[in-house]
Amino acid sequence: MALPVALLIAASQAAAGSADANKSPFASPQDEAKLQRAMEALTGGTQRGAHRPKDPHLALGPEKLIRVALQHHSEGRPDHAITTLGDALKRFPGDGKLLLVRGSLLLQQGNTADALRDFEAAAKADPENPAIYVNRAQAYRRFERDREALADLDRAVELNPDFVAARFNRGSMHFNAGHFDKALQDFEHCVAADPHAAPPYFNLAMTREQLGDKAGAADDLKRFLELSKTADW
């Protein structure tokens, strides 16, 4: 491991003894070159003599910066997560994935207006990503813009028919609107696409109950309880 730059300078000056002020304080050109390489490693190749520390995220691309932000979020530092994504967007302006993740975190924090702005920008940058439409639909619903939310979920399903989040949310909207046949189709597709996810079975059971299928509802509830593994249920 290389010594910090300041320690390398101190060690070299001590070895030089009584060198005058105009003479290099390094014992040899090789020592000077070694110090320069250490400085470049710490400062990211900045000009000689620069002592500011290197930004550890400087070499990271959007996907790795997203991981850093999500790590901050998972460890209870939501503000750091948002700041990391904001800094990333300064380096990669208009990146659809960065906008999607920042919007999702803002939505979790209740900052719906800013989240919606990020989702709208993300949809322009990456219009084929169904996750953007699922998240934007959630923002629209908070503003009671249900028609736009449903249109976004329709678009997400169109892009990826097996996207469980899109089917689940759209089925829930259909259920709440009393369109139980449509809800049934979406929830059935959810369990077909991911038979080990518990929540769709619960919604499927409630839908079957509304349609008069008591036995089917009981079977779905049983499967939900098997998969949920939650004592409260």
Protein backbone atom coordinates (compact mmCIF):
# COMPACT_ATOMS: atom_id res chain seq x y z
CA MET A 1 0.00 0.00 0.00
CA ALA A 2 1.33 3.48 -0.94
CA LEU A 3 1.93 5.97 1.86
CA PRO A 4 -0.21 9.13 1.88
CA VAL A 5 1.38 11.91 -0.16
CA ALA A 6 2.13 14.09 2.88
CA LEU A 7 4.11 11.25 4.55
CA LEU A 8 6.07 10.54 1.38
CA ILE A 9 7.09 14.20 1.18
CA ALA A 10 8.17 14.30 4.83
CA ALA A 11 10.22 11.11 4.48
CA SER A 12 11.99 12.33 1.36
CA GLN A 13 12.84 15.71 2.89
CA ALA A 14 14.35 14.01 5.93
CA ALA A 15 16.49 11.78 3.73
CA ALA A 16 17.76 14.85 1.79
CA GLY A 17 19.22 16.36 4.97
CA SER A 18 20.37 19.97 4.53
CA ALA A 19 19.35 20.43 0.86
CA ASP A 20 18.97 24.08 -0.07
CA ALA A 21 15.57 25.57 -0.84
CA ASN A 22 16.08 25.55 -4.63
CA LYS A 23 17.15 21.91 -4.81
CA SER A 24 14.73 19.06 -5.14
CA PRO A 25 13.98 17.58 -1.69
CA PHE A 26 13.93 14.06 -3.17
CA ALA A 27 16.88 11.74 -2.84
CA SER A 28 16.74 10.73 -6.51
CA PRO A 29 14.69 11.24 -9.68
CA GLN A 30 13.23 7.77 -9.01
CA ASP A 31 11.91 8.95 -5.63
CA GLU A 32 10.37 12.01 -7.27
CA ALA A 33 8.72 9.83 -9.91
CA LYS A 34 7.41 7.53 -7.20
CA LEU A 35 5.87 10.47 -5.36
CA GLN A 36 4.28 11.74 -8.57
CA ARG A 37 2.68 8.37 -9.22
CA ALA A 38 1.33 8.29 -5.66
CA MET A 39 -0.13 11.76 -6.07
CA GLU A 40 -1.79 10.82 -9.35
CA ALA A 41 -3.30 7.74 -7.74
CA LEU A 42 -4.78 9.84 -4.96
CA THR A 43 -5.95 12.74 -7.11
CA GLY A 44 -7.12 10.88 -10.18
CA GLY A 45 -4.33 12.09 -12.46
CA THR A 46 -4.69 15.79 -11.68
CA GLN A 47 -1.93 18.25 -12.36
CA ARG A 48 1.24 17.92 -10.35
CA GLY A 49 1.06 19.68 -7.04
CA ALA A 50 -2.70 19.22 -6.65
CA HIS A 51 -3.48 17.79 -3.23
CA ARG A 52 -7.25 17.51 -3.26
CA PRO A 53 -8.46 13.95 -2.59
CA LYS A 54 -9.80 11.91 -5.45
CA ASP A 55 -13.58 11.54 -5.70
CA PRO A 56 -14.07 7.78 -5.16
CA HIS A 57 -17.11 7.85 -7.47
CA LEU A 58 -15.38 9.66 -10.31
CA ALA A 59 -14.70 6.54 -12.37
CA LEU A 60 -18.12 4.97 -11.81
CA GLY A 61 -20.78 4.73 -14.49
CA PRO A 62 -24.54 5.20 -13.98
CA GLU A 63 -25.30 1.60 -12.91
CA LYS A 64 -22.58 1.53 -10.24
CA LEU A 65 -23.62 4.95 -8.99
CA ILE A 66 -27.14 3.60 -8.63
CA ARG A 67 -25.74 0.80 -6.48
CA VAL A 68 -23.93 3.34 -4.30
CA ALA A 69 -27.14 5.34 -3.88
CA LEU A 70 -29.17 2.25 -3.01
CA GLN A 71 -26.53 1.23 -0.48
CA HIS A 72 -26.88 4.63 1.19
CA HIS A 73 -30.65 4.19 1.19
CA SER A 74 -30.57 0.66 2.63
CA GLU A 75 -28.25 1.84 5.42
CA GLY A 76 -30.58 4.65 6.47
CA ARG A 77 -29.01 7.56 4.60
CA PRO A 78 -31.77 8.64 2.19
CA ASP A 79 -30.39 12.17 1.79
CA HIS A 80 -27.00 10.77 0.76
CA ALA A 81 -28.78 8.55 -1.76
CA ILE A 82 -30.55 11.50 -3.37
CA THR A 83 -27.35 13.57 -3.36
CA THR A 84 -25.41 10.74 -5.00
CA LEU A 85 -28.00 10.47 -7.77
CA GLY A 86 -28.12 14.23 -8.21
CA ASP A 87 -24.34 14.36 -8.61
CA ALA A 88 -24.52 11.43 -11.03
CA LEU A 89 -27.08 13.27 -13.16
CA LYS A 90 -24.72 16.24 -13.41
CA ARG A 91 -22.19 13.89 -14.99
CA PHE A 92 -24.75 11.89 -16.98
CA PRO A 93 -27.58 14.36 -17.67
CA GLY A 94 -30.81 12.82 -18.84
CA ASP A 95 -29.85 9.23 -17.99
CA GLY A 96 -33.12 7.32 -17.81
CA LYS A 97 -32.07 4.80 -15.14
CA LEU A 98 -30.67 7.47 -12.83
CA LEU A 99 -33.87 9.49 -13.19
CA LEU A 100 -35.99 6.39 -12.55
CA VAL A 101 -34.17 5.47 -9.35
CA ARG A 102 -34.09 9.01 -8.00
CA GLY A 103 -37.79 9.40 -8.77
CA SER A 104 -38.55 6.14 -6.99
CA LEU A 105 -36.68 7.23 -3.87
CA LEU A 106 -38.34 10.65 -3.94
CA LEU A 107 -41.71 8.92 -4.23
CA GLN A 108 -40.92 6.79 -1.17
CA GLN A 109 -40.06 9.97 0.73
CA GLY A 110 -43.40 11.54 -0.21
CA ASN A 111 -41.89 14.08 -2.60
CA THR A 112 -44.38 13.23 -5.32
CA ALA A 113 -44.06 16.38 -7.45
CA ASP A 114 -40.28 16.04 -7.85
CA ALA A 115 -40.65 12.29 -8.37
CA LEU A 116 -43.14 12.86 -11.18
CA ARG A 117 -40.76 15.29 -12.87
CA ASP A 118 -38.03 12.65 -12.79
CA PHE A 119 -40.35 9.96 -14.17
CA GLU A 120 -41.51 12.21 -16.99
CA ALA A 121 -37.91 12.99 -17.94
CA ALA A 122 -37.02 9.29 -17.66
CA ALA A 123 -39.87 8.32 -19.99
CA LYS A 124 -38.54 10.72 -22.62
CA ALA A 125 -35.00 9.39 -22.22
CA ASP A 126 -35.87 5.69 -22.10
CA PRO A 127 -39.40 5.19 -23.51
CA GLU A 128 -39.09 1.40 -23.77
CA ASN A 129 -38.49 0.79 -20.05
CA PRO A 130 -41.71 -0.52 -18.46
CA ALA A 131 -40.52 0.16 -14.91
CA ILE A 132 -40.69 3.90 -15.58
CA TYR A 133 -44.39 3.68 -16.42
CA VAL A 134 -45.19 1.57 -13.34
CA ASN A 135 -43.54 4.13 -11.08
CA ARG A 136 -45.01 7.11 -12.87
CA ALA A 137 -48.44 5.52 -12.50
CA GLN A 138 -47.94 5.50 -8.73
CA ALA A 139 -47.13 9.21 -8.81
CA TYR A 140 -50.19 9.93 -10.96
CA ARG A 141 -52.40 8.02 -8.54
CA ARG A 142 -51.23 10.17 -5.64
CA PHE A 143 -52.46 13.16 -7.59
CA GLU A 144 -55.73 11.28 -8.32
CA ARG A 145 -54.89 11.22 -12.02
CA ASP A 146 -56.19 7.68 -12.37
CA ARG A 147 -56.80 7.75 -16.11
CA GLU A 148 -53.17 8.66 -16.77
CA ALA A 149 -52.03 6.06 -14.24
CA LEU A 150 -54.00 3.34 -15.97
CA ALA A 151 -52.64 4.39 -19.35
CA ASP A 152 -49.10 4.08 -17.99
CA LEU A 153 -49.79 0.60 -16.61
CA ASP A 154 -51.30 -0.41 -19.95
CA ARG A 155 -48.10 0.78 -21.63
CA ALA A 156 -45.94 -1.16 -19.17
CA VAL A 157 -47.90 -4.36 -19.84
CA GLU A 158 -47.64 -3.74 -23.56
CA LEU A 159 -43.86 -3.50 -23.26
CA ASN A 160 -43.56 -6.52 -20.95
CA PRO A 161 -46.69 -8.69 -20.59
CA ASP A 162 -45.08 -10.70 -17.76
CA PHE A 163 -44.04 -7.70 -15.66
CA VAL A 164 -45.67 -8.62 -12.35
CA ALA A 165 -45.54 -5.11 -10.84
CA ALA A 166 -47.44 -3.69 -13.82
CA ARG A 167 -50.05 -6.48 -13.80
CA PHE A 168 -50.46 -6.33 -10.02
CA ASN A 169 -50.97 -2.56 -9.91
CA ARG A 170 -53.27 -2.54 -12.91
CA GLY A 171 -55.30 -5.40 -11.45
CA SER A 172 -55.65 -3.44 -8.22
CA MET A 173 -56.93 -0.42 -10.12
CA HIS A 174 -59.44 -2.60 -11.98
CA PHE A 175 -60.57 -4.17 -8.69
CA ASN A 176 -61.09 -0.79 -7.03
CA ALA A 177 -63.10 0.34 -10.05
CA GLY A 178 -65.33 -2.75 -9.80
CA HIS A 179 -63.98 -4.29 -13.01
CA PHE A 180 -63.48 -7.72 -11.46
CA ASP A 181 -63.16 -9.67 -14.71
CA LYS A 182 -60.24 -7.48 -15.80
CA ALA A 183 -58.70 -7.67 -12.34
CA LEU A 184 -58.96 -11.47 -12.43
CA GLN A 185 -57.05 -11.63 -15.72
CA ASP A 186 -54.22 -9.50 -14.36
CA PHE A 187 -53.88 -11.36 -11.06
CA GLU A 188 -54.01 -14.74 -12.79
CA HIS A 189 -51.23 -13.57 -15.08
CA CYS A 190 -49.22 -12.48 -12.03
CA VAL A 191 -49.28 -15.93 -10.45
CA ALA A 192 -48.54 -17.58 -13.79
CA ALA A 193 -45.51 -15.32 -14.32
CA ASP A 194 -44.24 -15.67 -10.73
CA PRO A 195 -45.97 -18.51 -8.85
CA HIS A 196 -43.82 -17.96 -5.74
CA ALA A 197 -44.84 -14.33 -5.09
CA ALA A 198 -47.36 -14.19 -2.24
CA PRO A 199 -49.25 -10.86 -2.70
CA PRO A 200 -50.96 -11.68 -6.02
CA TYR A 201 -52.63 -14.72 -4.44
CA PHE A 202 -54.27 -12.54 -1.81
CA ASN A 203 -55.64 -10.14 -4.42
CA LEU A 204 -56.67 -13.05 -6.60
CA ALA A 205 -58.59 -14.55 -3.70
CA MET A 206 -60.42 -11.26 -3.05
CA THR A 207 -61.31 -11.01 -6.73
CA ARG A 208 -62.61 -14.57 -6.93
CA GLU A 209 -64.71 -13.88 -3.84
CA GLN A 210 -66.27 -10.86 -5.58
CA LEU A 211 -67.05 -13.05 -8.59
CA GLY A 212 -68.72 -15.70 -6.41
CA ASP A 213 -65.95 -18.30 -6.62
CA LYS A 214 -65.71 -19.14 -2.92
CA ALA A 215 -63.78 -22.38 -3.37
CA GLY A 216 -61.23 -20.73 -5.65
CA ALA A 217 -60.86 -17.86 -3.21
CA ALA A 218 -60.18 -20.31 -0.36
CA ASP A 219 -57.53 -22.10 -2.42
CA ASP A 220 -55.78 -18.83 -3.26
CA LEU A 221 -55.83 -17.71 0.37
CA LYS A 222 -54.33 -21.03 1.42
CA ARG A 223 -51.55 -20.59 -1.12
CA PHE A 224 -51.00 -17.00 0.04
CA LEU A 225 -50.56 -18.18 3.64
CA GLU A 226 -48.11 -20.86 2.55
CA LEU A 227 -45.95 -18.35 0.72
CA SER A 228 -46.21 -15.32 3.00
CA LYS A 229 -44.54 -16.99 6.01
CA THR A 230 -45.73 -14.13 8.19
CA ALA A 231 -47.06 -14.96 11.65
CA ASP A 232 -49.46 -11.99 11.59
CA TRP A 233 -51.39 -13.50 8.68
